[in-house]
Amino acid sequence: MASNRHLGRVVALQTLYEYDFRQSLALPELTSDINKMLERNLAVYADNFEENDFVRDLVEGAMKNQQKIDDMIAPAAPEWPIDQIAKIDKAVLRLSLYELMIKREVPPKVAINEAVELAKAFGGDNSSKFVNGVLGTIYRQSDFYEPEEDTKASKQKDAK
């Protein structure tokens, strides 16, 4: 079995999106037990995936911190109230903001790049730009933003 954090993020995204979608329908006969959704989604990849704890942490962390995360999104996307953001974009933002701002175990550029790739793969035409803009704004306004990283990346880009 292979370790694949990107696939783990896909499974976490799928679970968060499904939960949000089911919640929005408000149908009593439609279960919205996120743990059942997560276990079902993990079972699909059971033969090729060993990062179940990573995925569970992402889903549980994003859910536990959802209000805090939504409060970060609101000022960074003032033209888009949280209930008007496309569900897939909202799920990408919640997942990636948990990783970027709360968990903080991967470099910020990795968390943002992963989010942009998820938005490109699953979102609409402008999702990746929207996600990148919101995450960049939130990260640059954070206490742990390191401007020298942007300068270093810009110099490397100019050297190419």
Protein backbone atom coordinates (compact mmCIF):
# COMPACT_ATOMS: atom_id res chain seq x y z
CA MET A 1 0.00 0.00 0.00
CA ALA A 2 1.19 3.47 -0.78
CA SER A 3 1.13 6.63 1.28
CA ASN A 4 -0.66 9.29 -0.71
CA ARG A 5 -1.59 12.50 1.07
CA HIS A 6 -3.12 13.99 -2.08
CA LEU A 7 -5.57 11.10 -2.33
CA GLY A 8 -6.27 11.53 1.37
CA ARG A 9 -7.20 15.14 0.77
CA VAL A 10 -9.48 14.06 -2.07
CA VAL A 11 -11.28 11.61 0.23
CA ALA A 12 -11.57 14.26 2.96
CA LEU A 13 -12.88 16.79 0.42
CA GLN A 14 -15.42 14.30 -0.89
CA THR A 15 -16.66 13.65 2.65
CA LEU A 16 -16.92 17.33 3.58
CA TYR A 17 -18.70 18.14 0.32
CA GLU A 18 -21.16 15.26 0.68
CA TYR A 19 -21.94 16.25 4.26
CA ASP A 20 -22.57 19.89 3.34
CA PHE A 21 -24.72 18.87 0.38
CA ARG A 22 -26.84 16.47 2.43
CA GLN A 23 -27.23 19.03 5.21
CA SER A 24 -28.48 21.63 2.72
CA LEU A 25 -31.24 19.29 1.51
CA ALA A 26 -32.67 18.91 5.03
CA LEU A 27 -34.39 15.63 4.18
CA PRO A 28 -34.98 13.52 7.30
CA GLU A 29 -34.77 10.27 5.34
CA LEU A 30 -31.32 11.22 4.00
CA THR A 31 -28.68 10.42 6.59
CA SER A 32 -26.09 13.09 7.27
CA ASP A 33 -23.88 11.13 9.65
CA ILE A 34 -20.44 12.33 8.63
CA ASN A 35 -18.72 9.37 10.28
CA LYS A 36 -20.68 6.92 8.13
CA MET A 37 -19.86 8.95 5.02
CA LEU A 38 -16.18 9.04 5.94
CA GLU A 39 -15.96 5.31 6.59
CA ARG A 40 -17.77 4.54 3.32
CA ASN A 41 -15.44 6.85 1.39
CA LEU A 42 -12.36 5.34 3.03
CA ALA A 43 -13.58 1.83 2.22
CA VAL A 44 -13.57 2.67 -1.50
CA TYR A 45 -9.76 3.12 -1.37
CA ALA A 46 -8.99 0.50 1.30
CA ASP A 47 -6.88 -1.67 -1.03
CA ASN A 48 -4.64 1.17 -2.18
CA PHE A 49 -4.52 3.57 0.72
CA GLU A 50 -3.09 3.62 4.23
CA GLU A 51 -3.60 7.22 5.32
CA ASN A 52 -6.94 6.72 7.10
CA ASP A 53 -5.84 8.55 10.26
CA PHE A 54 -4.68 11.52 8.17
CA VAL A 55 -8.07 11.70 6.42
CA ARG A 56 -10.00 11.34 9.68
CA ASP A 57 -7.94 14.16 11.20
CA LEU A 58 -8.65 16.45 8.23
CA VAL A 59 -12.40 15.80 8.30
CA GLU A 60 -12.74 15.97 12.08
CA GLY A 61 -10.51 19.05 12.31
CA ALA A 62 -12.37 20.90 9.56
CA MET A 63 -15.73 20.04 11.15
CA LYS A 64 -14.66 20.88 14.71
CA ASN A 65 -13.25 24.24 13.58
CA GLN A 66 -15.88 25.03 10.94
CA GLN A 67 -17.15 28.24 12.58
CA LYS A 68 -13.62 29.50 13.20
CA ILE A 69 -12.70 28.69 9.59
CA ASP A 70 -15.85 30.30 8.19
CA ASP A 71 -15.02 33.40 10.25
CA MET A 72 -11.63 33.52 8.47
CA ILE A 73 -13.24 33.18 5.04
CA ALA A 74 -15.83 35.95 5.49
CA PRO A 75 -13.47 38.98 5.54
CA ALA A 76 -11.22 37.44 2.86
CA ALA A 77 -14.16 37.05 0.45
CA PRO A 78 -16.50 39.93 1.38
CA GLU A 79 -18.49 39.74 -1.87
CA TRP A 80 -19.27 36.08 -1.20
CA PRO A 81 -21.21 35.31 1.98
CA ILE A 82 -20.38 31.79 3.15
CA ASP A 83 -23.81 30.44 2.15
CA GLN A 84 -23.31 31.73 -1.41
CA ILE A 85 -19.91 30.13 -2.00
CA ALA A 86 -20.16 27.01 -4.17
CA LYS A 87 -20.28 23.94 -1.92
CA ILE A 88 -17.17 22.39 -3.47
CA ASP A 89 -15.19 25.63 -3.10
CA LYS A 90 -16.38 25.93 0.51
CA ALA A 91 -15.27 22.34 1.21
CA VAL A 92 -11.84 23.01 -0.35
CA LEU A 93 -11.45 26.18 1.71
CA ARG A 94 -12.51 24.53 4.96
CA LEU A 95 -10.19 21.58 4.42
CA SER A 96 -7.21 23.69 3.38
CA LEU A 97 -7.69 26.35 6.06
CA TYR A 98 -7.69 23.65 8.69
CA GLU A 99 -4.36 22.42 7.31
CA LEU A 100 -2.91 25.90 6.67
CA MET A 101 -4.02 27.87 9.72
CA ILE A 102 -4.86 25.36 12.46
CA LYS A 103 -2.99 22.09 12.00
CA ARG A 104 0.09 23.74 10.43
CA GLU A 105 2.08 20.53 9.80
CA VAL A 106 2.81 21.16 6.12
CA PRO A 107 4.50 24.23 4.65
CA PRO A 108 2.00 26.96 3.72
CA LYS A 109 2.90 26.73 0.03
CA VAL A 110 2.10 23.01 0.07
CA ALA A 111 -1.29 23.55 1.74
CA ILE A 112 -2.21 26.32 -0.71
CA ASN A 113 -0.96 24.39 -3.76
CA GLU A 114 -2.92 21.29 -2.73
CA ALA A 115 -6.05 23.40 -2.31
CA VAL A 116 -5.60 24.98 -5.75
CA GLU A 117 -5.12 21.55 -7.33
CA LEU A 118 -8.29 20.27 -5.64
CA ALA A 119 -10.20 23.32 -6.85
CA LYS A 120 -8.93 22.79 -10.40
CA ALA A 121 -9.90 19.13 -10.34
CA PHE A 122 -13.33 19.42 -8.73
CA GLY A 123 -14.46 23.04 -8.88
CA GLY A 124 -15.71 25.36 -11.58
CA ASP A 125 -13.73 27.39 -14.09
CA ASN A 126 -12.76 30.09 -11.58
CA SER A 127 -12.57 27.95 -8.44
CA SER A 128 -8.79 27.68 -8.37
CA LYS A 129 -8.36 31.46 -8.66
CA PHE A 130 -10.98 32.08 -5.97
CA VAL A 131 -9.46 29.51 -3.59
CA ASN A 132 -5.93 30.79 -4.21
CA GLY A 133 -7.01 34.38 -3.60
CA VAL A 134 -8.87 33.63 -0.38
CA LEU A 135 -6.11 31.42 1.04
CA GLY A 136 -3.38 33.88 0.03
CA THR A 137 -5.22 36.76 1.68
CA ILE A 138 -5.80 34.86 4.90
CA TYR A 139 -2.22 33.56 5.04
CA ARG A 140 -0.65 36.98 4.33
CA GLN A 141 -2.71 38.49 7.16
CA SER A 142 -1.73 35.76 9.62
CA ASP A 143 0.78 36.07 12.43
CA PHE A 144 3.00 33.39 10.93
CA TYR A 145 3.24 34.81 7.41
CA GLU A 146 6.85 35.04 6.25
CA PRO A 147 7.21 37.65 3.48
CA GLU A 148 10.75 36.47 2.70
CA GLU A 149 9.24 33.24 1.36
CA ASP A 150 7.37 35.26 -1.28
CA THR A 151 10.54 37.16 -2.15
CA LYS A 152 12.52 33.92 -2.46
CA ALA A 153 9.86 32.34 -4.68
CA SER A 154 9.70 35.46 -6.85
CA LYS A 155 13.49 35.47 -7.34
CA GLN A 156 13.44 31.77 -8.30
CA LYS A 157 10.65 32.45 -10.79
CA ASP A 158 12.53 35.40 -12.34
CA ALA A 159 15.70 33.28 -12.66
CA LYS A 160 13.92 30.79 -14.92
